[in-house]
Amino acid sequence: MTSKEFSGLSGAELQNRLDESYKEIFNLRFQRAQGQLKDTNSMRRVRLNIARIMTIQRQRELAAQSPTAQSPTAETQTTPSA
């Protein structure tokens, strides 16, 4: 899936997809260790999907925090000159 497809999912759906992806990568690692893994690129795809999901979750977390707690930036603060 692409990032846009993941961003359209709710928080619970994202968490379910993340759990499924962790289970899938676990199974793929066992298949690789046993020499049964045919599509070696599948591990990379799953890892990228995990990263995409975690990124979207973090973006949502930061977006929820940003309007409530904004601190002044260093650019807006003035320093007395000597």
N, C-alpha and C. Protein backbone atom coordinates (compact mmCIF):
# COMPACT_ATOMS: atom_id res chain seq x y z
N MET A 1 0.83 -1.18 0.00
CA MET A 1 0.00 0.00 0.00
C MET A 1 0.88 1.24 0.00
N THR A 2 0.32 2.32 -0.45
CA THR A 2 1.05 3.58 -0.46
C THR A 2 0.70 4.39 0.79
N SER A 3 1.45 5.43 1.02
CA SER A 3 1.21 6.29 2.18
C SER A 3 -0.17 6.92 2.13
N LYS A 4 -0.62 7.29 0.94
CA LYS A 4 -1.94 7.90 0.81
C LYS A 4 -3.04 6.93 1.21
N GLU A 5 -2.86 5.66 0.85
CA GLU A 5 -3.86 4.66 1.22
C GLU A 5 -3.87 4.45 2.73
N PHE A 6 -2.70 4.46 3.35
CA PHE A 6 -2.62 4.29 4.79
C PHE A 6 -3.19 5.51 5.52
N SER A 7 -2.97 6.69 4.98
CA SER A 7 -3.44 7.90 5.66
C SER A 7 -4.95 7.99 5.69
N GLY A 8 -5.62 7.28 4.82
CA GLY A 8 -7.08 7.29 4.80
C GLY A 8 -7.70 6.36 5.84
N LEU A 9 -6.88 5.57 6.52
CA LEU A 9 -7.39 4.63 7.51
C LEU A 9 -7.51 5.30 8.88
N SER A 10 -8.37 4.74 9.71
CA SER A 10 -8.53 5.27 11.06
C SER A 10 -7.37 4.77 11.93
N GLY A 11 -7.29 5.30 13.14
CA GLY A 11 -6.22 4.92 14.05
C GLY A 11 -6.26 3.44 14.41
N ALA A 12 -7.46 2.92 14.64
CA ALA A 12 -7.60 1.50 14.99
C ALA A 12 -7.22 0.60 13.81
N GLU A 13 -7.63 1.00 12.61
CA GLU A 13 -7.28 0.22 11.42
C GLU A 13 -5.78 0.23 11.19
N LEU A 14 -5.15 1.39 11.42
CA LEU A 14 -3.70 1.47 11.28
C LEU A 14 -3.00 0.54 12.26
N GLN A 15 -3.49 0.52 13.50
CA GLN A 15 -2.88 -0.34 14.51
C GLN A 15 -3.06 -1.81 14.14
N ASN A 16 -4.22 -2.17 13.59
CA ASN A 16 -4.44 -3.55 13.15
C ASN A 16 -3.48 -3.92 12.02
N ARG A 17 -3.31 -3.01 11.06
CA ARG A 17 -2.38 -3.26 9.96
C ARG A 17 -0.95 -3.40 10.47
N LEU A 18 -0.59 -2.60 11.46
CA LEU A 18 0.74 -2.66 12.03
C LEU A 18 0.96 -4.02 12.70
N ASP A 19 -0.02 -4.47 13.47
CA ASP A 19 0.09 -5.77 14.13
C ASP A 19 0.21 -6.89 13.09
N GLU A 20 -0.60 -6.82 12.03
CA GLU A 20 -0.54 -7.83 10.98
C GLU A 20 0.83 -7.82 10.29
N SER A 21 1.38 -6.64 10.08
CA SER A 21 2.68 -6.53 9.42
C SER A 21 3.78 -7.12 10.27
N TYR A 22 3.71 -6.90 11.59
CA TYR A 22 4.71 -7.49 12.47
C TYR A 22 4.64 -9.01 12.45
N LYS A 23 3.42 -9.56 12.42
CA LYS A 23 3.26 -11.01 12.33
C LYS A 23 3.79 -11.53 11.00
N GLU A 24 3.52 -10.78 9.94
CA GLU A 24 3.97 -11.20 8.61
C GLU A 24 5.49 -11.20 8.52
N ILE A 25 6.15 -10.17 9.04
CA ILE A 25 7.61 -10.12 8.97
C ILE A 25 8.21 -11.23 9.83
N PHE A 26 7.55 -11.56 10.93
CA PHE A 26 8.00 -12.67 11.78
C PHE A 26 7.98 -13.98 10.99
N ASN A 27 6.87 -14.22 10.29
CA ASN A 27 6.75 -15.45 9.50
C ASN A 27 7.75 -15.46 8.34
N LEU A 28 7.96 -14.32 7.71
CA LEU A 28 8.91 -14.24 6.60
C LEU A 28 10.34 -14.53 7.07
N ARG A 29 10.68 -14.09 8.27
CA ARG A 29 12.01 -14.37 8.81
C ARG A 29 12.21 -15.86 9.01
N PHE A 30 11.17 -16.54 9.50
CA PHE A 30 11.27 -17.99 9.66
C PHE A 30 11.42 -18.69 8.31
N GLN A 31 10.65 -18.24 7.34
CA GLN A 31 10.75 -18.83 6.01
C GLN A 31 12.15 -18.64 5.43
N ARG A 32 12.72 -17.46 5.65
CA ARG A 32 14.08 -17.20 5.14
C ARG A 32 15.09 -18.10 5.83
N ALA A 33 14.95 -18.27 7.13
CA ALA A 33 15.89 -19.11 7.88
C ALA A 33 15.81 -20.57 7.45
N GLN A 34 14.64 -21.01 7.06
CA GLN A 34 14.46 -22.39 6.63
C GLN A 34 14.72 -22.59 5.15
N GLY A 35 15.00 -21.52 4.45
CA GLY A 35 15.26 -21.61 3.02
C GLY A 35 14.02 -21.76 2.18
N GLN A 36 12.86 -21.41 2.72
CA GLN A 36 11.60 -21.56 1.99
C GLN A 36 11.10 -20.25 1.38
N LEU A 37 11.78 -19.14 1.65
CA LEU A 37 11.32 -17.84 1.16
C LEU A 37 11.66 -17.70 -0.32
N LYS A 38 10.64 -17.54 -1.14
CA LYS A 38 10.85 -17.43 -2.59
C LYS A 38 10.98 -15.98 -3.02
N ASP A 39 10.16 -15.11 -2.46
CA ASP A 39 10.19 -13.69 -2.82
C ASP A 39 10.93 -12.92 -1.74
N THR A 40 12.22 -12.71 -1.94
CA THR A 40 13.02 -12.05 -0.92
C THR A 40 12.67 -10.57 -0.78
N ASN A 41 12.06 -9.98 -1.78
CA ASN A 41 11.67 -8.58 -1.73
C ASN A 41 10.46 -8.35 -0.82
N SER A 42 9.76 -9.41 -0.48
CA SER A 42 8.57 -9.27 0.36
C SER A 42 8.93 -8.75 1.75
N MET A 43 10.09 -9.13 2.27
CA MET A 43 10.51 -8.64 3.58
C MET A 43 10.71 -7.13 3.54
N ARG A 44 11.28 -6.65 2.47
CA ARG A 44 11.51 -5.21 2.31
C ARG A 44 10.19 -4.46 2.22
N ARG A 45 9.24 -5.01 1.46
CA ARG A 45 7.93 -4.38 1.33
C ARG A 45 7.23 -4.27 2.68
N VAL A 46 7.30 -5.32 3.47
CA VAL A 46 6.63 -5.32 4.78
C VAL A 46 7.31 -4.31 5.71
N ARG A 47 8.64 -4.28 5.69
CA ARG A 47 9.36 -3.31 6.53
C ARG A 47 9.01 -1.88 6.15
N LEU A 48 8.90 -1.61 4.87
CA LEU A 48 8.52 -0.27 4.42
C LEU A 48 7.09 0.08 4.83
N ASN A 49 6.20 -0.90 4.77
CA ASN A 49 4.83 -0.66 5.20
C ASN A 49 4.77 -0.35 6.70
N ILE A 50 5.59 -1.06 7.48
CA ILE A 50 5.66 -0.79 8.92
C ILE A 50 6.12 0.65 9.14
N ALA A 51 7.15 1.06 8.42
CA ALA A 51 7.68 2.41 8.56
C ALA A 51 6.64 3.45 8.15
N ARG A 52 5.89 3.17 7.08
CA ARG A 52 4.85 4.10 6.63
C ARG A 52 3.77 4.27 7.70
N ILE A 53 3.34 3.14 8.26
CA ILE A 53 2.28 3.18 9.27
C ILE A 53 2.75 3.95 10.50
N MET A 54 3.97 3.66 10.95
CA MET A 54 4.49 4.33 12.13
C MET A 54 4.67 5.84 11.89
N THR A 55 5.05 6.20 10.68
CA THR A 55 5.20 7.61 10.33
C THR A 55 3.86 8.33 10.38
N ILE A 56 2.83 7.73 9.83
CA ILE A 56 1.50 8.33 9.84
C ILE A 56 0.98 8.46 11.26
N GLN A 57 1.21 7.44 12.08
CA GLN A 57 0.78 7.52 13.48
C GLN A 57 1.49 8.66 14.20
N ARG A 58 2.78 8.82 13.96
CA ARG A 58 3.53 9.89 14.60
C ARG A 58 3.08 11.26 14.11
N GLN A 59 2.80 11.39 12.82
CA GLN A 59 2.31 12.65 12.28
C GLN A 59 0.99 13.04 12.93
N ARG A 60 0.12 12.08 13.10
CA ARG A 60 -1.17 12.35 13.74
C ARG A 60 -0.99 12.74 15.20
N GLU A 61 -0.06 12.07 15.86
CA GLU A 61 0.22 12.40 17.25
C GLU A 61 0.74 13.83 17.38
N LEU A 62 1.65 14.22 16.51
CA LEU A 62 2.19 15.57 16.54
C LEU A 62 1.15 16.61 16.16
N ALA A 63 0.29 16.28 15.22
CA ALA A 63 -0.76 17.20 14.80
C ALA A 63 -1.75 17.44 15.94
N ALA A 64 -1.99 16.41 16.73
CA ALA A 64 -2.90 16.57 17.86
C ALA A 64 -2.28 17.43 18.95
N GLN A 65 -0.98 17.41 19.08
CA GLN A 65 -0.30 18.18 20.12
C GLN A 65 -0.06 19.62 19.71
N SER A 66 0.16 19.88 18.45
CA SER A 66 0.62 21.19 18.00
C SER A 66 -0.33 22.35 18.31
N PRO A 67 -1.63 22.26 18.12
CA PRO A 67 -2.47 23.43 18.41
C PRO A 67 -2.56 23.73 19.91
N THR A 68 -2.38 22.76 20.76
CA THR A 68 -2.57 22.97 22.19
C THR A 68 -1.34 23.54 22.88
N ALA A 69 -0.16 23.17 22.42
CA ALA A 69 1.06 23.61 23.11
C ALA A 69 2.06 24.18 22.12
N GLN A 70 1.90 25.44 21.81
CA GLN A 70 2.85 26.10 20.94
C GLN A 70 3.77 26.95 21.79
N SER A 71 5.06 26.77 21.58
CA SER A 71 6.02 27.57 22.32
C SER A 71 6.62 28.61 21.40
N PRO A 72 7.06 29.74 21.94
CA PRO A 72 7.66 30.77 21.08
C PRO A 72 8.97 30.28 20.50
N THR A 73 9.21 30.66 19.27
CA THR A 73 10.45 30.24 18.62
C THR A 73 11.56 31.22 18.94
N ALA A 74 12.76 30.80 18.68
CA ALA A 74 13.93 31.65 18.95
C ALA A 74 13.94 32.88 18.05
N GLU A 75 13.31 32.79 16.91
CA GLU A 75 13.30 33.90 15.97
C GLU A 75 12.44 35.06 16.47
N THR A 76 11.40 34.77 17.22
CA THR A 76 10.52 35.83 17.67
C THR A 76 10.99 36.47 18.97
N GLN A 77 11.89 35.82 19.67
CA GLN A 77 12.39 36.39 20.91
C GLN A 77 13.45 37.45 20.59
N THR A 78 13.40 38.52 21.35
CA THR A 78 14.37 39.60 21.14
C THR A 78 15.40 39.54 22.26
N THR A 79 16.62 39.86 21.92
CA THR A 79 17.69 39.90 22.92
C THR A 79 18.16 41.33 23.08
N PRO A 80 18.42 41.75 24.29
CA PRO A 80 18.88 43.13 24.48
C PRO A 80 20.27 43.30 23.89
N SER A 81 20.48 44.42 23.25
CA SER A 81 21.80 44.68 22.66
C SER A 81 22.61 45.53 23.63
N ALA A 82 23.90 45.35 23.59
CA ALA A 82 24.77 46.03 24.54
C ALA A 82 25.16 47.40 24.14
